[in-house]
Every structure is written in structure tokens, then in C-alpha cells.
Amino acid sequence: SPAWRFVGQHMRWVASIERLVGVHARHAMNVSVNEPTPPYISIHMRHGDFYEQCEVPVDQCFASSVIARRVSEMQGELRIRKGIEVTHVIMTSDESDPGWWSEV
């Protein structure tokens, strides 16, 4: 949504939530609690929310190749604009199909 590009940049979390996210992110990336959280890209695919809006077969609506391409584009943009090399990606979803997750 275009609005999130403008609104999201001004959102801030309270310190306790940021600490909690750091703990879970480091755990997901197998990073020790004593190490800083490395830069990462986080994706939440709200697969179930958009089931009925998909105009192609659902297995093509959220294709892992499309997700991978978008992640690669974001990595390139972060590298160019911010000088940040991001190699970690954390993906969450409401999807419960193990077949879908195996592609991720």
C-alpha cells in the first residue's frame, strides 16, 4: 500500500518490544545473545488474508521466486543507498501448508 511507505517510516516501537524482537531475531538467525543483531530483511506474507483476491491460481499468487526476486531487489537497494550488506531474511506467515513452507 502506498500509504505505508509514508506512514511506516515514522513508526517507532517501545524499547521493551525492540528488545523482544532482538531476542527472537537473533534466535532465528542463530546469533548468540551476546552478539549484536545483524541487519536483516523481515517479510510477513499474509497468505490467508489474500486468498480470495488472487486472480491466478493460489500456488502462483505467492510464488517463492517472486519473493526471492523482491528480497534480492531490496538487498541491492540497501547496498547502494545505505552501504548495508544484508544476508539474513526472516519470513513469517499465517500459512499452515507444509508444502508452501518447504518452498520458502
PDB file of N, CA and C in Angstrom:
ATOM      1  N   SER A   1       0.840  -1.179   0.000  1.00  0.00           N
ATOM      2  CA  SER A   1       0.000   0.000   0.000  1.00  0.00           C
ATOM      3  C   SER A   1       0.884   1.240   0.000  1.00  0.00           C
ATOM      4  N   PRO A   2       0.632   2.165  -0.900  1.00  0.00           N
ATOM      5  CA  PRO A   2       1.452   3.372  -0.950  1.00  0.00           C
ATOM      6  C   PRO A   2       1.481   4.149   0.370  1.00  0.00           C
ATOM      7  N   ALA A   3       0.390   4.129   1.102  1.00  0.00           N
ATOM      8  CA  ALA A   3       0.343   4.880   2.360  1.00  0.00           C
ATOM      9  C   ALA A   3       1.394   4.388   3.352  1.00  0.00           C
ATOM     10  N   TRP A   4       1.649   3.081   3.375  1.00  0.00           N
ATOM     11  CA  TRP A   4       2.623   2.537   4.335  1.00  0.00           C
ATOM     12  C   TRP A   4       4.027   3.042   4.075  1.00  0.00           C
ATOM     13  N   ARG A   5       4.338   3.387   2.829  1.00  0.00           N
ATOM     14  CA  ARG A   5       5.669   3.934   2.544  1.00  0.00           C
ATOM     15  C   ARG A   5       5.892   5.236   3.291  1.00  0.00           C
ATOM     16  N   PHE A   6       4.813   5.986   3.502  1.00  0.00           N
ATOM     17  CA  PHE A   6       4.929   7.272   4.176  1.00  0.00           C
ATOM     18  C   PHE A   6       4.686   7.157   5.672  1.00  0.00           C
ATOM     19  N   VAL A   7       3.724   6.370   6.070  1.00  0.00           N
ATOM     20  CA  VAL A   7       3.389   6.220   7.481  1.00  0.00           C
ATOM     21  C   VAL A   7       4.421   5.365   8.193  1.00  0.00           C
ATOM     22  N   GLY A   8       4.785   4.231   7.585  1.00  0.00           N
ATOM     23  CA  GLY A   8       5.688   3.281   8.224  1.00  0.00           C
ATOM     24  C   GLY A   8       7.033   3.854   8.602  1.00  0.00           C
ATOM     25  N   GLN A   9       7.520   4.812   7.870  1.00  0.00           N
ATOM     26  CA  GLN A   9       8.835   5.375   8.160  1.00  0.00           C
ATOM     27  C   GLN A   9       8.850   6.185   9.457  1.00  0.00           C
ATOM     28  N   HIS A  10       7.684   6.535   9.969  1.00  0.00           N
ATOM     29  CA  HIS A  10       7.612   7.321  11.197  1.00  0.00           C
ATOM     30  C   HIS A  10       7.214   6.494  12.416  1.00  0.00           C
ATOM     31  N   MET A  11       6.995   5.203  12.200  1.00  0.00           N
ATOM     32  CA  MET A  11       6.605   4.348  13.317  1.00  0.00           C
ATOM     33  C   MET A  11       7.823   4.032  14.183  1.00  0.00           C
ATOM     34  N   ARG A  12       7.611   3.984  15.475  1.00  0.00           N
ATOM     35  CA  ARG A  12       8.667   3.626  16.424  1.00  0.00           C
ATOM     36  C   ARG A  12       8.073   2.673  17.445  1.00  0.00           C
ATOM     37  N   TRP A  13       8.887   1.721  17.903  1.00  0.00           N
ATOM     38  CA  TRP A  13       8.455   0.759  18.903  1.00  0.00           C
ATOM     39  C   TRP A  13       9.054   1.130  20.258  1.00  0.00           C
ATOM     40  N   VAL A  14       8.381   0.762  21.316  1.00  0.00           N
ATOM     41  CA  VAL A  14       8.929   0.986  22.655  1.00  0.00           C
ATOM     42  C   VAL A  14      10.116   0.058  22.849  1.00  0.00           C
ATOM     43  N   ALA A  15      11.026   0.441  23.739  1.00  0.00           N
ATOM     44  CA  ALA A  15      12.278  -0.299  23.936  1.00  0.00           C
ATOM     45  C   ALA A  15      12.047  -1.765  24.298  1.00  0.00           C
ATOM     46  N   SER A  16      11.035  -2.061  25.099  1.00  0.00           N
ATOM     47  CA  SER A  16      10.805  -3.452  25.504  1.00  0.00           C
ATOM     48  C   SER A  16      10.436  -4.329  24.302  1.00  0.00           C
ATOM     49  N   ILE A  17       9.681  -3.783  23.361  1.00  0.00           N
ATOM     50  CA  ILE A  17       9.332  -4.532  22.151  1.00  0.00           C
ATOM     51  C   ILE A  17      10.565  -4.717  21.275  1.00  0.00           C
ATOM     52  N   GLU A  18      11.390  -3.690  21.143  1.00  0.00           N
ATOM     53  CA  GLU A  18      12.608  -3.805  20.344  1.00  0.00           C
ATOM     54  C   GLU A  18      13.541  -4.862  20.935  1.00  0.00           C
ATOM     55  N   ARG A  19      13.650  -4.922  22.256  1.00  0.00           N
ATOM     56  CA  ARG A  19      14.484  -5.955  22.889  1.00  0.00           C
ATOM     57  C   ARG A  19      13.928  -7.345  22.602  1.00  0.00           C
ATOM     58  N   LEU A  20      12.613  -7.501  22.715  1.00  0.00           N
ATOM     59  CA  LEU A  20      11.974  -8.782  22.446  1.00  0.00           C
ATOM     60  C   LEU A  20      12.198  -9.219  20.994  1.00  0.00           C
ATOM     61  N   VAL A  21      12.047  -8.292  20.070  1.00  0.00           N
ATOM     62  CA  VAL A  21      12.295  -8.590  18.656  1.00  0.00           C
ATOM     63  C   VAL A  21      13.751  -9.003  18.462  1.00  0.00           C
ATOM     64  N   GLY A  22      14.658  -8.294  19.113  1.00  0.00           N
ATOM     65  CA  GLY A  22      16.085  -8.636  19.005  1.00  0.00           C
ATOM     66  C   GLY A  22      16.367 -10.055  19.468  1.00  0.00           C
ATOM     67  N   VAL A  23      15.763 -10.452  20.576  1.00  0.00           N
ATOM     68  CA  VAL A  23      15.945 -11.810  21.101  1.00  0.00           C
ATOM     69  C   VAL A  23      15.467 -12.842  20.087  1.00  0.00           C
ATOM     70  N   HIS A  24      14.266 -12.647  19.576  1.00  0.00           N
ATOM     71  CA  HIS A  24      13.704 -13.614  18.630  1.00  0.00           C
ATOM     72  C   HIS A  24      14.438 -13.590  17.284  1.00  0.00           C
ATOM     73  N   ALA A  25      14.830 -12.427  16.828  1.00  0.00           N
ATOM     74  CA  ALA A  25      15.555 -12.330  15.556  1.00  0.00           C
ATOM     75  C   ALA A  25      16.913 -13.021  15.674  1.00  0.00           C
ATOM     76  N   ARG A  26      17.648 -12.773  16.757  1.00  0.00           N
ATOM     77  CA  ARG A  26      18.943 -13.433  16.938  1.00  0.00           C
ATOM     78  C   ARG A  26      18.766 -14.945  17.014  1.00  0.00           C
ATOM     79  N   HIS A  27      17.715 -15.392  17.700  1.00  0.00           N
ATOM     80  CA  HIS A  27      17.443 -16.827  17.781  1.00  0.00           C
ATOM     81  C   HIS A  27      17.180 -17.402  16.385  1.00  0.00           C
ATOM     82  N   ALA A  28      16.371 -16.723  15.589  1.00  0.00           N
ATOM     83  CA  ALA A  28      16.042 -17.193  14.240  1.00  0.00           C
ATOM     84  C   ALA A  28      17.280 -17.251  13.349  1.00  0.00           C
ATOM     85  N   MET A  29      18.244 -16.373  13.604  1.00  0.00           N
ATOM     86  CA  MET A  29      19.452 -16.319  12.779  1.00  0.00           C
ATOM     87  C   MET A  29      20.621 -17.069  13.406  1.00  0.00           C
ATOM     88  N   ASN A  30      20.359 -17.764  14.531  1.00  0.00           N
ATOM     89  CA  ASN A  30      21.404 -18.499  15.255  1.00  0.00           C
ATOM     90  C   ASN A  30      22.560 -17.600  15.678  1.00  0.00           C
ATOM     91  N   VAL A  31      22.218 -16.422  16.178  1.00  0.00           N
ATOM     92  CA  VAL A  31      23.204 -15.461  16.648  1.00  0.00           C
ATOM     93  C   VAL A  31      23.150 -15.453  18.171  1.00  0.00           C
ATOM     94  N   SER A  32      24.302 -15.491  18.810  1.00  0.00           N
ATOM     95  CA  SER A  32      24.390 -15.512  20.267  1.00  0.00           C
ATOM     96  C   SER A  32      23.736 -14.272  20.869  1.00  0.00           C
ATOM     97  N   VAL A  33      23.183 -14.432  22.076  1.00  0.00           N
ATOM     98  CA  VAL A  33      22.545 -13.292  22.755  1.00  0.00           C
ATOM     99  C   VAL A  33      23.551 -12.196  23.079  1.00  0.00           C
ATOM    100  N   ASN A  34      24.843 -12.545  23.104  1.00  0.00           N
ATOM    101  CA  ASN A  34      25.887 -11.548  23.405  1.00  0.00           C
ATOM    102  C   ASN A  34      26.327 -10.764  22.174  1.00  0.00           C
ATOM    103  N   GLU A  35      25.881 -11.200  20.999  1.00  0.00           N
ATOM    104  CA  GLU A  35      26.263 -10.528  19.758  1.00  0.00           C
ATOM    105  C   GLU A  35      25.181  -9.548  19.332  1.00  0.00           C
ATOM    106  N   PRO A  36      25.575  -8.502  18.630  1.00  0.00           N
ATOM    107  CA  PRO A  36      24.553  -7.573  18.122  1.00  0.00           C
ATOM    108  C   PRO A  36      23.700  -8.251  17.048  1.00  0.00           C
ATOM    109  N   THR A  37      22.491  -7.788  16.915  1.00  0.00           N
ATOM    110  CA  THR A  37      21.599  -8.316  15.883  1.00  0.00           C
ATOM    111  C   THR A  37      22.088  -7.822  14.531  1.00  0.00           C
ATOM    112  N   PRO A  38      22.415  -8.750  13.618  1.00  0.00           N
ATOM    113  CA  PRO A  38      22.869  -8.301  12.293  1.00  0.00           C
ATOM    114  C   PRO A  38      21.711  -7.719  11.495  1.00  0.00           C
ATOM    115  N   PRO A  39      22.008  -6.931  10.472  1.00  0.00           N
ATOM    116  CA  PRO A  39      20.917  -6.406   9.634  1.00  0.00           C
ATOM    117  C   PRO A  39      20.179  -7.558   8.966  1.00  0.00           C
ATOM    118  N   TYR A  40      18.876  -7.416   8.864  1.00  0.00           N
ATOM    119  CA  TYR A  40      18.075  -8.460   8.226  1.00  0.00           C
ATOM    120  C   TYR A  40      16.853  -7.845   7.572  1.00  0.00           C
ATOM    121  N   ILE A  41      16.306  -8.593   6.626  1.00  0.00           N
ATOM    122  CA  ILE A  41      15.062  -8.221   5.972  1.00  0.00           C
ATOM    123  C   ILE A  41      13.985  -9.117   6.551  1.00  0.00           C
ATOM    124  N   SER A  42      12.898  -8.522   6.967  1.00  0.00           N
ATOM    125  CA  SER A  42      11.792  -9.279   7.540  1.00  0.00           C
ATOM    126  C   SER A  42      10.590  -9.189   6.611  1.00  0.00           C
ATOM    127  N   ILE A  43       9.985 -10.350   6.363  1.00  0.00           N
ATOM    128  CA  ILE A  43       8.828 -10.418   5.475  1.00  0.00           C
ATOM    129  C   ILE A  43       7.711 -11.131   6.220  1.00  0.00           C
ATOM    130  N   HIS A  44       6.522 -10.573   6.159  1.00  0.00           N
ATOM    131  CA  HIS A  44       5.354 -11.284   6.677  1.00  0.00           C
ATOM    132  C   HIS A  44       4.390 -11.455   5.519  1.00  0.00           C
ATOM    133  N   MET A  45       4.254 -12.681   5.055  1.00  0.00           N
ATOM    134  CA  MET A  45       3.350 -12.987   3.944  1.00  0.00           C
ATOM    135  C   MET A  45       1.988 -13.340   4.531  1.00  0.00           C
ATOM    136  N   ARG A  46       1.043 -12.466   4.375  1.00  0.00           N
ATOM    137  CA  ARG A  46      -0.298 -12.691   4.902  1.00  0.00           C
ATOM    138  C   ARG A  46      -1.096 -13.513   3.896  1.00  0.00           C
ATOM    139  N   HIS A  47      -0.612 -14.709   3.680  1.00  0.00           N
ATOM    140  CA  HIS A  47      -1.127 -15.590   2.641  1.00  0.00           C
ATOM    141  C   HIS A  47      -2.636 -15.793   2.745  1.00  0.00           C
ATOM    142  N   GLY A  48      -3.135 -16.144   3.915  1.00  0.00           N
ATOM    143  CA  GLY A  48      -4.560 -16.410   4.079  1.00  0.00           C
ATOM    144  C   GLY A  48      -5.433 -15.189   3.859  1.00  0.00           C
ATOM    145  N   ASP A  49      -4.924 -14.005   4.149  1.00  0.00           N
ATOM    146  CA  ASP A  49      -5.714 -12.781   4.004  1.00  0.00           C
ATOM    147  C   ASP A  49      -6.043 -12.466   2.556  1.00  0.00           C
ATOM    148  N   PHE A  50      -5.224 -12.919   1.626  1.00  0.00           N
ATOM    149  CA  PHE A  50      -5.387 -12.530   0.238  1.00  0.00           C
ATOM    150  C   PHE A  50      -5.836 -13.680  -0.660  1.00  0.00           C
ATOM    151  N   TYR A  51      -6.195 -14.799  -0.056  1.00  0.00           N
ATOM    152  CA  TYR A  51      -6.647 -15.964  -0.819  1.00  0.00           C
ATOM    153  C   TYR A  51      -7.697 -15.608  -1.863  1.00  0.00           C
ATOM    154  N   GLU A  52      -8.721 -14.891  -1.467  1.00  0.00           N
ATOM    155  CA  GLU A  52      -9.838 -14.598  -2.357  1.00  0.00           C
ATOM    156  C   GLU A  52      -9.535 -13.498  -3.366  1.00  0.00           C
ATOM    157  N   GLN A  53      -8.471 -12.725  -3.145  1.00  0.00           N
ATOM    158  CA  GLN A  53      -8.150 -11.627  -4.047  1.00  0.00           C
ATOM    159  C   GLN A  53      -7.183 -12.028  -5.151  1.00  0.00           C
ATOM    160  N   CYS A  54      -6.645 -13.218  -5.058  1.00  0.00           N
ATOM    161  CA  CYS A  54      -5.670 -13.684  -6.037  1.00  0.00           C
ATOM    162  C   CYS A  54      -6.381 -13.995  -7.356  1.00  0.00           C
ATOM    163  N   GLU A  55      -5.916 -13.406  -8.454  1.00  0.00           N
ATOM    164  CA  GLU A  55      -6.564 -13.586  -9.757  1.00  0.00           C
ATOM    165  C   GLU A  55      -5.967 -14.728 -10.566  1.00  0.00           C
ATOM    166  N   VAL A  56      -4.922 -15.356 -10.031  1.00  0.00           N
ATOM    167  CA  VAL A  56      -4.307 -16.527 -10.659  1.00  0.00           C
ATOM    168  C   VAL A  56      -4.398 -17.666  -9.655  1.00  0.00           C
ATOM    169  N   PRO A  57      -4.059 -18.890 -10.053  1.00  0.00           N
ATOM    170  CA  PRO A  57      -4.088 -19.969  -9.056  1.00  0.00           C
ATOM    171  C   PRO A  57      -3.263 -19.594  -7.822  1.00  0.00           C
ATOM    172  N   VAL A  58      -3.778 -19.942  -6.657  1.00  0.00           N
ATOM    173  CA  VAL A  58      -3.162 -19.517  -5.396  1.00  0.00           C
ATOM    174  C   VAL A  58      -1.700 -19.937  -5.312  1.00  0.00           C
ATOM    175  N   ASP A  59      -1.340 -21.096  -5.857  1.00  0.00           N
ATOM    176  CA  ASP A  59       0.056 -21.522  -5.786  1.00  0.00           C
ATOM    177  C   ASP A  59       0.978 -20.605  -6.590  1.00  0.00           C
ATOM    178  N   GLN A  60       0.423 -19.795  -7.491  1.00  0.00           N
ATOM    179  CA  GLN A  60       1.218 -18.836  -8.250  1.00  0.00           C
ATOM    180  C   GLN A  60       1.135 -17.428  -7.669  1.00  0.00           C
ATOM    181  N   CYS A  61       0.176 -17.202  -6.817  1.00  0.00           N
ATOM    182  CA  CYS A  61      -0.069 -15.871  -6.276  1.00  0.00           C
ATOM    183  C   CYS A  61       1.073 -15.415  -5.365  1.00  0.00           C
ATOM    184  N   PHE A  62       1.641 -16.339  -4.637  1.00  0.00           N
ATOM    185  CA  PHE A  62       2.719 -16.007  -3.709  1.00  0.00           C
ATOM    186  C   PHE A  62       3.925 -16.878  -4.027  1.00  0.00           C
ATOM    187  N   ALA A  63       4.314 -16.916  -5.276  1.00  0.00           N
ATOM    188  CA  ALA A  63       5.405 -17.784  -5.713  1.00  0.00           C
ATOM    189  C   ALA A  63       6.706 -17.407  -5.012  1.00  0.00           C
ATOM    190  N   SER A  64       7.427 -18.437  -4.562  1.00  0.00           N
ATOM    191  CA  SER A  64       8.688 -18.192  -3.858  1.00  0.00           C
ATOM    192  C   SER A  64       9.695 -17.474  -4.751  1.00  0.00           C
ATOM    193  N   SER A  65       9.619 -17.672  -6.075  1.00  0.00           N
ATOM    194  CA  SER A  65      10.543 -16.983  -6.974  1.00  0.00           C
ATOM    195  C   SER A  65      10.301 -15.470  -6.967  1.00  0.00           C
ATOM    196  N   VAL A  66       9.041 -15.064  -6.845  1.00  0.00           N
ATOM    197  CA  VAL A  66       8.712 -13.640  -6.780  1.00  0.00           C
ATOM    198  C   VAL A  66       9.228 -13.051  -5.472  1.00  0.00           C
ATOM    199  N   ILE A  67       9.027 -13.767  -4.389  1.00  0.00           N
ATOM    200  CA  ILE A  67       9.509 -13.307  -3.082  1.00  0.00           C
ATOM    201  C   ILE A  67      11.031 -13.173  -3.122  1.00  0.00           C
ATOM    202  N   ALA A  68      11.706 -14.185  -3.648  1.00  0.00           N
ATOM    203  CA  ALA A  68      13.172 -14.160  -3.723  1.00  0.00           C
ATOM    204  C   ALA A  68      13.662 -12.975  -4.560  1.00  0.00           C
ATOM    205  N   ARG A  69      12.962 -12.687  -5.657  1.00  0.00           N
ATOM    206  CA  ARG A  69      13.360 -11.555  -6.510  1.00  0.00           C
ATOM    207  C   ARG A  69      13.206 -10.235  -5.753  1.00  0.00           C
ATOM    208  N   ARG A  70      12.104 -10.086  -5.036  1.00  0.00           N
ATOM    209  CA  ARG A  70      11.879  -8.848  -4.282  1.00  0.00           C
ATOM    210  C   ARG A  70      12.908  -8.686  -3.168  1.00  0.00           C
ATOM    211  N   VAL A  71      13.258  -9.782  -2.502  1.00  0.00           N
ATOM    212  CA  VAL A  71      14.292  -9.722  -1.467  1.00  0.00           C
ATOM    213  C   VAL A  71      15.613  -9.297  -2.085  1.00  0.00           C
ATOM    214  N   SER A  72      15.947  -9.874  -3.226  1.00  0.00           N
ATOM    215  CA  SER A  72      17.187  -9.516  -3.914  1.00  0.00           C
ATOM    216  C   SER A  72      17.204  -8.038  -4.301  1.00  0.00           C
ATOM    217  N   GLU A  73      16.058  -7.533  -4.765  1.00  0.00           N
ATOM    218  CA  GLU A  73      15.962  -6.113  -5.107  1.00  0.00           C
ATOM    219  C   GLU A  73      16.186  -5.237  -3.880  1.00  0.00           C
ATOM    220  N   MET A  74      15.600  -5.633  -2.754  1.00  0.00           N
ATOM    221  CA  MET A  74      15.763  -4.858  -1.524  1.00  0.00           C
ATOM    222  C   MET A  74      17.209  -4.911  -1.038  1.00  0.00           C
ATOM    223  N   GLN A  75      17.835  -6.078  -1.143  1.00  0.00           N
ATOM    224  CA  GLN A  75      19.244  -6.186  -0.760  1.00  0.00           C
ATOM    225  C   GLN A  75      20.097  -5.240  -1.596  1.00  0.00           C
ATOM    226  N   GLY A  76      19.837  -5.201  -2.889  1.00  0.00           N
ATOM    227  CA  GLY A  76      20.584  -4.305  -3.768  1.00  0.00           C
ATOM    228  C   GLY A  76      20.362  -2.845  -3.427  1.00  0.00           C
ATOM    229  N   GLU A  77      19.119  -2.495  -3.133  1.00  0.00           N
ATOM    230  CA  GLU A  77      18.812  -1.111  -2.775  1.00  0.00           C
ATOM    231  C   GLU A  77      19.495  -0.710  -1.469  1.00  0.00           C
ATOM    232  N   LEU A  78      19.482  -1.594  -0.482  1.00  0.00           N
ATOM    233  CA  LEU A  78      20.146  -1.309   0.795  1.00  0.00           C
ATOM    234  C   LEU A  78      21.658  -1.175   0.608  1.00  0.00           C
ATOM    235  N   ARG A  79      22.214  -1.999  -0.268  1.00  0.00           N
ATOM    236  CA  ARG A  79      23.651  -1.943  -0.543  1.00  0.00           C
ATOM    237  C   ARG A  79      24.017  -0.611  -1.189  1.00  0.00           C
ATOM    238  N   ILE A  80      23.230  -0.199  -2.180  1.00  0.00           N
ATOM    239  CA  ILE A  80      23.527   1.030  -2.921  1.00  0.00           C
ATOM    240  C   ILE A  80      23.242   2.274  -2.091  1.00  0.00           C
ATOM    241  N   ARG A  81      22.059   2.341  -1.504  1.00  0.00           N
ATOM    242  CA  ARG A  81      21.639   3.568  -0.808  1.00  0.00           C
ATOM    243  C   ARG A  81      22.223   3.739   0.584  1.00  0.00           C
ATOM    244  N   LYS A  82      22.413   2.605   1.290  1.00  0.00           N
ATOM    245  CA  LYS A  82      22.828   2.695   2.692  1.00  0.00           C
ATOM    246  C   LYS A  82      24.189   2.070   2.966  1.00  0.00           C
ATOM    247  N   GLY A  83      24.740   1.366   1.976  1.00  0.00           N
ATOM    248  CA  GLY A  83      26.022   0.691   2.189  1.00  0.00           C
ATOM    249  C   GLY A  83      25.911  -0.478   3.155  1.00  0.00           C
ATOM    250  N   ILE A  84      24.721  -1.071   3.252  1.00  0.00           N
ATOM    251  CA  ILE A  84      24.486  -2.178   4.176  1.00  0.00           C
ATOM    252  C   ILE A  84      24.369  -3.479   3.389  1.00  0.00           C
ATOM    253  N   GLU A  85      25.136  -4.477   3.795  1.00  0.00           N
ATOM    254  CA  GLU A  85      25.071  -5.800   3.179  1.00  0.00           C
ATOM    255  C   GLU A  85      24.179  -6.677   4.057  1.00  0.00           C
ATOM    256  N   VAL A  86      23.004  -7.010   3.548  1.00  0.00           N
ATOM    257  CA  VAL A  86      22.035  -7.800   4.309  1.00  0.00           C
ATOM    258  C   VAL A  86      21.972  -9.205   3.724  1.00  0.00           C
ATOM    259  N   THR A  87      22.341 -10.188   4.553  1.00  0.00           N
ATOM    260  CA  THR A  87      22.317 -11.577   4.092  1.00  0.00           C
ATOM    261  C   THR A  87      21.258 -12.408   4.811  1.00  0.00           C
ATOM    262  N   HIS A  88      20.697 -11.885   5.895  1.00  0.00           N
ATOM    263  CA  HIS A  88      19.687 -12.613   6.661  1.00  0.00           C
ATOM    264  C   HIS A  88      18.283 -12.173   6.250  1.00  0.00           C
ATOM    265  N   VAL A  89      17.393 -13.150   6.113  1.00  0.00           N
ATOM    266  CA  VAL A  89      15.987 -12.882   5.815  1.00  0.00           C
ATOM    267  C   VAL A  89      15.143 -13.706   6.779  1.00  0.00           C
ATOM    268  N   ILE A  90      14.222 -13.052   7.452  1.00  0.00           N
ATOM    269  CA  ILE A  90      13.296 -13.740   8.351  1.00  0.00           C
ATOM    270  C   ILE A  90      11.913 -13.618   7.742  1.00  0.00           C
ATOM    271  N   MET A  91      11.268 -14.763   7.549  1.00  0.00           N
ATOM    272  CA  MET A  91       9.946 -14.764   6.937  1.00  0.00           C
ATOM    273  C   MET A  91       8.940 -15.381   7.895  1.00  0.00           C
ATOM    274  N   THR A  92       7.827 -14.696   8.067  1.00  0.00           N
ATOM    275  CA  THR A  92       6.728 -15.214   8.874  1.00  0.00           C
ATOM    276  C   THR A  92       5.463 -15.189   8.027  1.00  0.00           C
ATOM    277  N   SER A  93       4.478 -15.983   8.439  1.00  0.00           N
ATOM    278  CA  SER A  93       3.237 -16.044   7.677  1.00  0.00           C
ATOM    279  C   SER A  93       2.149 -16.695   8.517  1.00  0.00           C
ATOM    280  N   ASP A  94       0.923 -16.514   8.067  1.00  0.00           N
ATOM    281  CA  ASP A  94      -0.202 -17.234   8.648  1.00  0.00           C
ATOM    282  C   ASP A  94      -0.425 -18.552   7.912  1.00  0.00           C
ATOM    283  N   GLU A  95       0.400 -18.837   6.924  1.00  0.00           N
ATOM    284  CA  GLU A  95       0.255 -20.050   6.114  1.00  0.00           C
ATOM    285  C   GLU A  95       0.576 -21.291   6.944  1.00  0.00           C
ATOM    286  N   SER A  96      -0.261 -22.316   6.831  1.00  0.00           N
ATOM    287  CA  SER A  96      -0.047 -23.551   7.591  1.00  0.00           C
ATOM    288  C   SER A  96       0.292 -24.746   6.701  1.00  0.00           C
ATOM    289  N   ASP A  97       0.328 -24.563   5.386  1.00  0.00           N
ATOM    290  CA  ASP A  97       0.614 -25.653   4.463  1.00  0.00           C
ATOM    291  C   ASP A  97       2.112 -25.957   4.453  1.00  0.00           C
ATOM    292  N   PRO A  98       2.518 -27.160   4.915  1.00  0.00           N
ATOM    293  CA  PRO A  98       3.938 -27.503   4.924  1.00  0.00           C
ATOM    294  C   PRO A  98       4.562 -27.469   3.528  1.00  0.00           C
ATOM    295  N   GLY A  99       3.782 -27.777   2.487  1.00  0.00           N
ATOM    296  CA  GLY A  99       4.313 -27.726   1.130  1.00  0.00           C
ATOM    297  C   GLY A  99       4.724 -26.323   0.734  1.00  0.00           C
ATOM    298  N   TRP A 100       3.917 -25.344   1.117  1.00  0.00           N
ATOM    299  CA  TRP A 100       4.249 -23.950   0.825  1.00  0.00           C
ATOM    300  C   TRP A 100       5.527 -23.548   1.553  1.00  0.00           C
ATOM    301  N   TRP A 101       5.623 -23.924   2.820  1.00  0.00           N
ATOM    302  CA  TRP A 101       6.799 -23.581   3.617  1.00  0.00           C
ATOM    303  C   TRP A 101       8.055 -24.264   3.101  1.00  0.00           C
ATOM    304  N   SER A 102       7.919 -25.460   2.545  1.00  0.00           N
ATOM    305  CA  SER A 102       9.116 -26.162   2.045  1.00  0.00           C
ATOM    306  C   SER A 102       9.756 -25.405   0.889  1.00  0.00           C
ATOM    307  N   GLU A 103       8.950 -24.642   0.130  1.00  0.00           N
ATOM    308  CA  GLU A 103       9.490 -23.823  -0.952  1.00  0.00           C
ATOM    309  C   GLU A 103      10.199 -22.586  -0.423  1.00  0.00           C
ATOM    310  N   VAL A 104       9.775 -22.108   0.721  1.00  0.00           N
ATOM    311  CA  VAL A 104      10.376 -20.908   1.306  1.00  0.00           C
ATOM    312  C   VAL A 104      11.768 -21.237   1.780  1.00  0.00           C
TER     313      VAL A 104
END
